[in-house]
Amino acid sequence: MPTALITGASSGIGEVFAQELAQRQYNLILVARSEAKLQELATKLQQAHGINAEIIVQDLSQPGAGTTVFEAVSQKGLTVDMLINNAGFGDYGAFSDRPLPKFMEMIQLNITTLVELTHLFLAPMRQRRQGSIINVASIAGFMPLPYMSVYAATKAFVLSFSEALWAENRTSGIRIQALCPGPTATQFFQAAEFPATMNESGVNMVTAAQVVQESLQGLETNKSNVVTGGLNTQIIVNLQRFFPREVLVNLIESQFKAK
């Protein structure tokens, strides 16, 4: 059986990736901070699908966390065929009003650990000339996002980084994808501390299952990026082609400012 490593596997998109890949007979390495949630998920998937599921309890917002995970995988003697860098978080509010330590943790998790894990696991994939990496970005990575400025910037990095690696590796048997979900029904908005009025704003959300299905379909054809959410999100990510950047970012600011 092939083996997939999934970060942020205890909930949301990461958990659904684990469920879907277990159904496809992947062994799993599940990484997150919550040991209880990881163990519950691992046990459930092993019993349901007859696969092996290892857990690694690790706070990926800490420096060197990616190396710690890689070493743990190596000590278990496991080969990672698919890496899904899903762990990440956002934060809502005016940049100057929000706590700096939270931004630094966000950059560490959303960018630094993702780069670290990608580098460590890509090298052996290249030696084998096979493997897949899905880096979870966001439609926020396509444009500046007032009141989520650092989050959008981290996802712009993930998008650019992943597409560049896709081009570098497209003839070497490695598939690399930037997954760019639109609004998705997870705990993201609560964790980012969006105002309740904006949580109830009627934004059309897709399910995490839809995101995962579109991602894996795109991986089959080696698409460099997959934007989920249908026509609405396709329009959003292409607005920059039709409007000056200042006009667009002012429009976004008016939409995202708390009422």
C-alpha atoms as a PDB file:
ATOM      1  CA  MET A   1       0.000   0.000   0.000  1.00  0.00           C
ATOM      2  CA  PRO A   2       1.169   3.578  -0.631  1.00  0.00           C
ATOM      3  CA  THR A   3       1.533   5.881   2.382  1.00  0.00           C
ATOM      4  CA  ALA A   4       0.234   9.447   2.764  1.00  0.00           C
ATOM      5  CA  LEU A   5       1.356  11.933   5.413  1.00  0.00           C
ATOM      6  CA  ILE A   6      -1.255  14.545   6.291  1.00  0.00           C
ATOM      7  CA  THR A   7      -0.648  17.551   8.524  1.00  0.00           C
ATOM      8  CA  GLY A   8      -3.556  19.157  10.347  1.00  0.00           C
ATOM      9  CA  ALA A   9      -5.227  15.757  10.115  1.00  0.00           C
ATOM     10  CA  SER A  10      -7.386  15.976  13.240  1.00  0.00           C
ATOM     11  CA  SER A  11     -10.194  18.043  11.701  1.00  0.00           C
ATOM     12  CA  GLY A  12     -11.534  19.808   8.636  1.00  0.00           C
ATOM     13  CA  ILE A  13      -9.972  19.257   5.227  1.00  0.00           C
ATOM     14  CA  GLY A  14      -7.102  17.234   6.698  1.00  0.00           C
ATOM     15  CA  GLU A  15      -9.459  14.774   8.368  1.00  0.00           C
ATOM     16  CA  VAL A  16     -11.443  14.336   5.148  1.00  0.00           C
ATOM     17  CA  PHE A  17      -8.237  13.724   3.185  1.00  0.00           C
ATOM     18  CA  ALA A  18      -7.447  10.973   5.700  1.00  0.00           C
ATOM     19  CA  GLN A  19     -10.889   9.419   5.313  1.00  0.00           C
ATOM     20  CA  GLU A  20     -10.812   9.520   1.516  1.00  0.00           C
ATOM     21  CA  LEU A  21      -7.282   8.147   1.199  1.00  0.00           C
ATOM     22  CA  ALA A  22      -8.018   5.355   3.673  1.00  0.00           C
ATOM     23  CA  GLN A  23     -10.921   4.340   1.431  1.00  0.00           C
ATOM     24  CA  ARG A  24      -8.432   4.268  -1.449  1.00  0.00           C
ATOM     25  CA  GLN A  25      -6.224   1.910   0.562  1.00  0.00           C
ATOM     26  CA  TYR A  26      -3.488   4.316   1.584  1.00  0.00           C
ATOM     27  CA  ASN A  27      -1.653   3.775   4.831  1.00  0.00           C
ATOM     28  CA  LEU A  28      -1.596   7.026   6.783  1.00  0.00           C
ATOM     29  CA  ILE A  29       0.695   9.148   8.917  1.00  0.00           C
ATOM     30  CA  LEU A  30      -1.506  11.650  10.733  1.00  0.00           C
ATOM     31  CA  VAL A  31       0.110  14.774  12.194  1.00  0.00           C
ATOM     32  CA  ALA A  32      -1.485  17.376  14.479  1.00  0.00           C
ATOM     33  CA  ARG A  33      -1.331  18.697  18.041  1.00  0.00           C
ATOM     34  CA  SER A  34      -4.288  16.781  19.475  1.00  0.00           C
ATOM     35  CA  GLU A  35      -3.240  13.244  20.430  1.00  0.00           C
ATOM     36  CA  ALA A  36      -6.757  12.199  21.440  1.00  0.00           C
ATOM     37  CA  LYS A  37      -8.325  13.280  18.138  1.00  0.00           C
ATOM     38  CA  LEU A  38      -5.542  11.712  16.083  1.00  0.00           C
ATOM     39  CA  GLN A  39      -5.766   8.412  17.934  1.00  0.00           C
ATOM     40  CA  GLU A  40      -9.549   8.290  17.584  1.00  0.00           C
ATOM     41  CA  LEU A  41      -9.320   8.955  13.843  1.00  0.00           C
ATOM     42  CA  ALA A  42      -6.493   6.446  13.339  1.00  0.00           C
ATOM     43  CA  THR A  43      -8.380   3.711  15.166  1.00  0.00           C
ATOM     44  CA  LYS A  44     -11.593   4.368  13.240  1.00  0.00           C
ATOM     45  CA  LEU A  45      -9.881   4.310   9.836  1.00  0.00           C
ATOM     46  CA  GLN A  46      -7.854   1.204  10.602  1.00  0.00           C
ATOM     47  CA  GLN A  47     -10.956  -0.696  11.654  1.00  0.00           C
ATOM     48  CA  ALA A  48     -13.057   0.530   8.742  1.00  0.00           C
ATOM     49  CA  HIS A  49     -10.563   0.056   5.914  1.00  0.00           C
ATOM     50  CA  GLY A  50      -7.878  -2.372   7.083  1.00  0.00           C
ATOM     51  CA  ILE A  51      -5.078   0.152   6.613  1.00  0.00           C
ATOM     52  CA  ASN A  52      -2.271   1.122   8.973  1.00  0.00           C
ATOM     53  CA  ALA A  53      -2.460   4.590  10.522  1.00  0.00           C
ATOM     54  CA  GLU A  54       0.436   6.038  12.499  1.00  0.00           C
ATOM     55  CA  ILE A  55       0.113   9.268  14.482  1.00  0.00           C
ATOM     56  CA  ILE A  56       2.714  11.947  15.204  1.00  0.00           C
ATOM     57  CA  VAL A  57       1.744  14.501  17.827  1.00  0.00           C
ATOM     58  CA  GLN A  58       3.511  17.733  16.925  1.00  0.00           C
ATOM     59  CA  ASP A  59       2.891  21.478  17.111  1.00  0.00           C
ATOM     60  CA  LEU A  60       3.969  22.495  13.610  1.00  0.00           C
ATOM     61  CA  SER A  61       4.086  26.192  14.490  1.00  0.00           C
ATOM     62  CA  GLN A  62       7.319  25.571  16.420  1.00  0.00           C
ATOM     63  CA  PRO A  63      10.721  26.072  14.735  1.00  0.00           C
ATOM     64  CA  GLY A  64      12.219  22.814  13.497  1.00  0.00           C
ATOM     65  CA  ALA A  65       8.905  20.969  13.669  1.00  0.00           C
ATOM     66  CA  GLY A  66       9.195  19.752  10.091  1.00  0.00           C
ATOM     67  CA  THR A  67      12.558  18.136  10.766  1.00  0.00           C
ATOM     68  CA  THR A  68      11.147  16.514  13.914  1.00  0.00           C
ATOM     69  CA  VAL A  69       8.325  14.974  11.871  1.00  0.00           C
ATOM     70  CA  PHE A  70      10.704  13.791   9.138  1.00  0.00           C
ATOM     71  CA  GLU A  71      12.974  12.147  11.686  1.00  0.00           C
ATOM     72  CA  ALA A  72      10.001  10.438  13.366  1.00  0.00           C
ATOM     73  CA  VAL A  73       8.892   9.040  10.008  1.00  0.00           C
ATOM     74  CA  SER A  74      12.430   7.852   9.254  1.00  0.00           C
ATOM     75  CA  GLN A  75      12.692   6.133  12.642  1.00  0.00           C
ATOM     76  CA  LYS A  76       9.476   4.244  11.863  1.00  0.00           C
ATOM     77  CA  GLY A  77      11.051   3.059   8.597  1.00  0.00           C
ATOM     78  CA  LEU A  78       8.222   4.507   6.516  1.00  0.00           C
ATOM     79  CA  THR A  79       8.264   5.819   2.952  1.00  0.00           C
ATOM     80  CA  VAL A  80       5.955   8.747   2.185  1.00  0.00           C
ATOM     81  CA  ASP A  81       4.362   8.530  -1.262  1.00  0.00           C
ATOM     82  CA  MET A  82       2.020  11.486  -0.788  1.00  0.00           C
ATOM     83  CA  LEU A  83       2.601  14.560   1.376  1.00  0.00           C
ATOM     84  CA  ILE A  84      -0.368  16.800   2.155  1.00  0.00           C
ATOM     85  CA  ASN A  85       0.675  20.042   3.830  1.00  0.00           C
ATOM     86  CA  ASN A  86      -2.750  21.005   5.124  1.00  0.00           C
ATOM     87  CA  ALA A  87      -2.008  22.504   8.562  1.00  0.00           C
ATOM     88  CA  GLY A  88      -2.477  26.265   8.758  1.00  0.00           C
ATOM     89  CA  PHE A  89      -4.570  28.990  10.298  1.00  0.00           C
ATOM     90  CA  GLY A  90      -5.730  32.555   9.724  1.00  0.00           C
ATOM     91  CA  ASP A  91      -6.537  35.595  11.833  1.00  0.00           C
ATOM     92  CA  TYR A  92      -9.090  38.333  11.260  1.00  0.00           C
ATOM     93  CA  GLY A  93      -8.602  41.990  12.147  1.00  0.00           C
ATOM     94  CA  ALA A  94      -6.632  45.120  11.345  1.00  0.00           C
ATOM     95  CA  PHE A  95      -2.946  44.211  11.245  1.00  0.00           C
ATOM     96  CA  SER A  96      -1.876  46.777  13.843  1.00  0.00           C
ATOM     97  CA  ASP A  97      -4.574  45.638  16.295  1.00  0.00           C
ATOM     98  CA  ARG A  98      -3.743  41.940  16.312  1.00  0.00           C
ATOM     99  CA  PRO A  99      -1.029  40.260  18.435  1.00  0.00           C
ATOM    100  CA  LEU A 100       2.370  40.007  16.745  1.00  0.00           C
ATOM    101  CA  PRO A 101       3.207  36.558  18.228  1.00  0.00           C
ATOM    102  CA  LYS A 102       0.160  35.101  16.475  1.00  0.00           C
ATOM    103  CA  PHE A 103       1.379  36.440  13.130  1.00  0.00           C
ATOM    104  CA  MET A 104       4.822  34.967  13.689  1.00  0.00           C
ATOM    105  CA  GLU A 105       3.307  31.559  14.511  1.00  0.00           C
ATOM    106  CA  MET A 106       1.175  31.821  11.378  1.00  0.00           C
ATOM    107  CA  ILE A 107       4.198  32.515   9.181  1.00  0.00           C
ATOM    108  CA  GLN A 108       6.098  29.672  10.845  1.00  0.00           C
ATOM    109  CA  LEU A 109       3.255  27.203  10.255  1.00  0.00           C
ATOM    110  CA  ASN A 110       1.823  28.355   6.927  1.00  0.00           C
ATOM    111  CA  ILE A 111       5.196  28.971   5.250  1.00  0.00           C
ATOM    112  CA  THR A 112       8.308  27.834   7.090  1.00  0.00           C
ATOM    113  CA  THR A 113       7.193  24.384   8.230  1.00  0.00           C
ATOM    114  CA  LEU A 114       5.516  23.777   4.876  1.00  0.00           C
ATOM    115  CA  VAL A 115       8.763  24.561   3.031  1.00  0.00           C
ATOM    116  CA  GLU A 116      10.730  22.419   5.486  1.00  0.00           C
ATOM    117  CA  LEU A 117       8.472  19.386   5.067  1.00  0.00           C
ATOM    118  CA  THR A 118       8.308  19.801   1.300  1.00  0.00           C
ATOM    119  CA  HIS A 119      12.090  19.919   0.988  1.00  0.00           C
ATOM    120  CA  LEU A 120      12.679  16.945   3.271  1.00  0.00           C
ATOM    121  CA  PHE A 121      10.118  14.650   1.635  1.00  0.00           C
ATOM    122  CA  LEU A 122      10.599  15.823  -1.970  1.00  0.00           C
ATOM    123  CA  ALA A 123      14.257  14.738  -2.089  1.00  0.00           C
ATOM    124  CA  PRO A 124      13.541  11.000  -1.609  1.00  0.00           C
ATOM    125  CA  MET A 125      10.560  11.251  -3.978  1.00  0.00           C
ATOM    126  CA  ARG A 126      12.907  12.551  -6.673  1.00  0.00           C
ATOM    127  CA  GLN A 127      15.283   9.678  -6.033  1.00  0.00           C
ATOM    128  CA  ARG A 128      12.409   7.226  -6.540  1.00  0.00           C
ATOM    129  CA  ARG A 129      11.027   9.339  -9.413  1.00  0.00           C
ATOM    130  CA  GLN A 130       7.530   9.118  -8.015  1.00  0.00           C
ATOM    131  CA  GLY A 131       5.394  10.851  -5.413  1.00  0.00           C
ATOM    132  CA  SER A 132       2.787  13.560  -4.866  1.00  0.00           C
ATOM    133  CA  ILE A 133       2.678  16.748  -2.793  1.00  0.00           C
ATOM    134  CA  ILE A 134      -0.447  18.800  -2.134  1.00  0.00           C
ATOM    135  CA  ASN A 135       0.166  22.165  -0.479  1.00  0.00           C
ATOM    136  CA  VAL A 136      -3.049  23.740   0.774  1.00  0.00           C
ATOM    137  CA  ALA A 137      -3.138  27.405  -0.190  1.00  0.00           C
ATOM    138  CA  SER A 138      -6.374  29.408  -0.587  1.00  0.00           C
ATOM    139  CA  ILE A 139      -8.184  31.634  -3.040  1.00  0.00           C
ATOM    140  CA  ALA A 140      -6.887  34.354  -0.688  1.00  0.00           C
ATOM    141  CA  GLY A 141      -3.471  33.690  -2.237  1.00  0.00           C
ATOM    142  CA  PHE A 142      -4.529  35.332  -5.505  1.00  0.00           C
ATOM    143  CA  MET A 143      -4.923  38.872  -4.140  1.00  0.00           C
ATOM    144  CA  PRO A 144      -4.270  41.108  -1.106  1.00  0.00           C
ATOM    145  CA  LEU A 145      -6.848  40.632   1.632  1.00  0.00           C
ATOM    146  CA  PRO A 146      -7.351  43.547   4.050  1.00  0.00           C
ATOM    147  CA  TYR A 147      -8.041  42.423   7.639  1.00  0.00           C
ATOM    148  CA  MET A 148      -6.388  39.101   6.817  1.00  0.00           C
ATOM    149  CA  SER A 149      -3.226  40.582   5.389  1.00  0.00           C
ATOM    150  CA  VAL A 150      -0.673  38.135   6.791  1.00  0.00           C
ATOM    151  CA  TYR A 151      -2.824  35.073   6.099  1.00  0.00           C
ATOM    152  CA  ALA A 152      -3.373  36.039   2.456  1.00  0.00           C
ATOM    153  CA  ALA A 153       0.332  36.788   2.048  1.00  0.00           C
ATOM    154  CA  THR A 154       1.279  33.356   3.412  1.00  0.00           C
ATOM    155  CA  LYS A 155      -1.106  31.697   0.988  1.00  0.00           C
ATOM    156  CA  ALA A 156       0.264  33.760  -1.920  1.00  0.00           C
ATOM    157  CA  PHE A 157       3.655  32.325  -0.992  1.00  0.00           C
ATOM    158  CA  VAL A 158       2.290  28.767  -0.932  1.00  0.00           C
ATOM    159  CA  LEU A 159       0.650  29.241  -4.340  1.00  0.00           C
ATOM    160  CA  SER A 160       3.757  30.704  -5.994  1.00  0.00           C
ATOM    161  CA  PHE A 161       6.104  28.210  -4.317  1.00  0.00           C
ATOM    162  CA  SER A 162       4.001  25.192  -5.267  1.00  0.00           C
ATOM    163  CA  GLU A 163       3.507  26.214  -8.886  1.00  0.00           C
ATOM    164  CA  ALA A 164       7.253  26.759  -9.263  1.00  0.00           C
ATOM    165  CA  LEU A 165       7.941  23.291  -7.853  1.00  0.00           C
ATOM    166  CA  TRP A 166       5.303  21.829 -10.164  1.00  0.00           C
ATOM    167  CA  ALA A 167       7.247  23.196 -13.133  1.00  0.00           C
ATOM    168  CA  GLU A 168      10.591  21.991 -11.762  1.00  0.00           C
ATOM    169  CA  ASN A 169       9.310  18.459 -11.209  1.00  0.00           C
ATOM    170  CA  ARG A 170       6.679  17.871 -13.882  1.00  0.00           C
ATOM    171  CA  THR A 171       8.974  15.612 -15.946  1.00  0.00           C
ATOM    172  CA  SER A 172      10.467  13.730 -12.988  1.00  0.00           C
ATOM    173  CA  GLY A 173       7.449  11.670 -11.985  1.00  0.00           C
ATOM    174  CA  ILE A 174       6.461  13.997  -9.122  1.00  0.00           C
ATOM    175  CA  ARG A 175       3.028  15.629  -9.020  1.00  0.00           C
ATOM    176  CA  ILE A 176       2.797  18.887  -7.065  1.00  0.00           C
ATOM    177  CA  GLN A 177      -0.386  20.844  -6.510  1.00  0.00           C
ATOM    178  CA  ALA A 178      -1.389  24.105  -4.898  1.00  0.00           C
ATOM    179  CA  LEU A 179      -4.881  23.465  -3.543  1.00  0.00           C
ATOM    180  CA  CYS A 180      -6.820  26.736  -3.311  1.00  0.00           C
ATOM    181  CA  PRO A 181     -10.142  26.277  -1.537  1.00  0.00           C
ATOM    182  CA  GLY A 182     -12.792  28.939  -1.498  1.00  0.00           C
ATOM    183  CA  PRO A 183     -15.016  29.341   1.586  1.00  0.00           C
ATOM    184  CA  THR A 184     -15.307  25.876   3.116  1.00  0.00           C
ATOM    185  CA  ALA A 185     -17.502  24.585   5.939  1.00  0.00           C
ATOM    186  CA  THR A 186     -14.803  23.991   8.574  1.00  0.00           C
ATOM    187  CA  GLN A 187     -13.804  25.633  11.868  1.00  0.00           C
ATOM    188  CA  PHE A 188     -11.510  28.076  10.023  1.00  0.00           C
ATOM    189  CA  PHE A 189     -13.675  31.167  10.476  1.00  0.00           C
ATOM    190  CA  GLN A 190     -14.217  30.568  14.185  1.00  0.00           C
ATOM    191  CA  ALA A 191     -10.506  29.939  14.754  1.00  0.00           C
ATOM    192  CA  ALA A 192      -9.664  33.121  12.844  1.00  0.00           C
ATOM    193  CA  GLU A 193     -12.062  35.044  15.132  1.00  0.00           C
ATOM    194  CA  PHE A 194     -14.280  36.425  12.414  1.00  0.00           C
ATOM    195  CA  PRO A 195     -17.069  38.636  13.792  1.00  0.00           C
ATOM    196  CA  ALA A 196     -20.324  36.740  14.240  1.00  0.00           C
ATOM    197  CA  THR A 197     -22.046  39.086  11.791  1.00  0.00           C
ATOM    198  CA  MET A 198     -19.608  38.035   9.072  1.00  0.00           C
ATOM    199  CA  ASN A 199     -19.913  34.332   9.937  1.00  0.00           C
ATOM    200  CA  GLU A 200     -23.604  34.667   9.201  1.00  0.00           C
ATOM    201  CA  SER A 201     -23.194  36.749   6.062  1.00  0.00           C
ATOM    202  CA  GLY A 202     -24.656  34.112   3.745  1.00  0.00           C
ATOM    203  CA  VAL A 203     -21.408  33.205   2.009  1.00  0.00           C
ATOM    204  CA  ASN A 204     -21.896  30.048  -0.002  1.00  0.00           C
ATOM    205  CA  MET A 205     -19.592  27.386   1.418  1.00  0.00           C
ATOM    206  CA  VAL A 206     -18.645  24.031   0.003  1.00  0.00           C
ATOM    207  CA  THR A 207     -17.960  20.963   2.113  1.00  0.00           C
ATOM    208  CA  ALA A 208     -14.492  19.714   2.941  1.00  0.00           C
ATOM    209  CA  ALA A 209     -15.421  16.526   1.064  1.00  0.00           C
ATOM    210  CA  GLN A 210     -15.979  18.529  -2.127  1.00  0.00           C
ATOM    211  CA  VAL A 211     -12.586  20.217  -1.714  1.00  0.00           C
ATOM    212  CA  VAL A 212     -10.818  16.887  -1.270  1.00  0.00           C
ATOM    213  CA  GLN A 213     -12.554  15.290  -4.252  1.00  0.00           C
ATOM    214  CA  GLU A 214     -11.641  18.184  -6.549  1.00  0.00           C
ATOM    215  CA  SER A 215      -8.065  18.150  -5.279  1.00  0.00           C
ATOM    216  CA  LEU A 216      -7.544  14.448  -5.917  1.00  0.00           C
ATOM    217  CA  GLN A 217      -9.195  14.701  -9.342  1.00  0.00           C
ATOM    218  CA  GLY A 218      -6.802  17.524 -10.219  1.00  0.00           C
ATOM    219  CA  LEU A 219      -3.865  15.481  -8.970  1.00  0.00           C
ATOM    220  CA  GLU A 220      -4.717  12.687 -11.417  1.00  0.00           C
ATOM    221  CA  THR A 221      -4.112  15.077 -14.328  1.00  0.00           C
ATOM    222  CA  ASN A 222      -1.196  16.863 -12.588  1.00  0.00           C
ATOM    223  CA  LYS A 223      -2.819  20.311 -12.468  1.00  0.00           C
ATOM    224  CA  SER A 224      -0.486  22.884 -10.918  1.00  0.00           C
ATOM    225  CA  ASN A 225      -3.319  24.481  -8.945  1.00  0.00           C
ATOM    226  CA  VAL A 226      -6.879  23.523  -8.118  1.00  0.00           C
ATOM    227  CA  VAL A 227      -9.383  26.245  -7.213  1.00  0.00           C
ATOM    228  CA  THR A 228     -12.414  24.714  -5.517  1.00  0.00           C
ATOM    229  CA  GLY A 229     -15.892  26.123  -5.104  1.00  0.00           C
ATOM    230  CA  GLY A 230     -17.272  26.367  -8.609  1.00  0.00           C
ATOM    231  CA  LEU A 231     -17.947  29.409 -10.782  1.00  0.00           C
ATOM    232  CA  ASN A 232     -18.030  31.948  -7.932  1.00  0.00           C
ATOM    233  CA  THR A 233     -14.473  31.253  -6.834  1.00  0.00           C
ATOM    234  CA  GLN A 234     -13.244  31.140 -10.430  1.00  0.00           C
ATOM    235  CA  ILE A 235     -14.624  34.650 -10.883  1.00  0.00           C
ATOM    236  CA  ILE A 236     -12.983  35.847  -7.656  1.00  0.00           C
ATOM    237  CA  VAL A 237      -9.496  34.579  -8.506  1.00  0.00           C
ATOM    238  CA  ASN A 238      -9.693  36.135 -11.984  1.00  0.00           C
ATOM    239  CA  LEU A 239     -10.912  39.606 -10.940  1.00  0.00           C
ATOM    240  CA  GLN A 240      -7.344  40.913 -10.946  1.00  0.00           C
ATOM    241  CA  ARG A 241      -7.267  40.450 -14.720  1.00  0.00           C
ATOM    242  CA  PHE A 242     -10.021  43.018 -15.199  1.00  0.00           C
ATOM    243  CA  PHE A 243      -9.562  45.641 -12.457  1.00  0.00           C
ATOM    244  CA  PRO A 244      -6.605  47.797 -11.365  1.00  0.00           C
ATOM    245  CA  ARG A 245      -5.095  46.400  -8.154  1.00  0.00           C
ATOM    246  CA  GLU A 246      -5.911  49.512  -6.107  1.00  0.00           C
ATOM    247  CA  VAL A 247      -9.539  49.401  -7.175  1.00  0.00           C
ATOM    248  CA  LEU A 248      -9.770  45.725  -6.364  1.00  0.00           C
ATOM    249  CA  VAL A 249      -8.132  45.905  -2.937  1.00  0.00           C
ATOM    250  CA  ASN A 250     -10.334  48.873  -1.983  1.00  0.00           C
ATOM    251  CA  LEU A 251     -13.394  46.880  -2.974  1.00  0.00           C
ATOM    252  CA  ILE A 252     -12.226  43.897  -0.912  1.00  0.00           C
ATOM    253  CA  GLU A 253     -11.527  46.177   2.075  1.00  0.00           C
ATOM    254  CA  SER A 254     -15.075  47.485   2.031  1.00  0.00           C
ATOM    255  CA  GLN A 255     -16.440  43.943   1.931  1.00  0.00           C
ATOM    256  CA  PHE A 256     -14.227  42.566   4.688  1.00  0.00           C
ATOM    257  CA  LYS A 257     -14.430  45.468   7.138  1.00  0.00           C
ATOM    258  CA  ALA A 258     -16.482  44.509  10.166  1.00  0.00           C
ATOM    259  CA  LYS A 259     -19.870  46.171  10.109  1.00  0.00           C
END
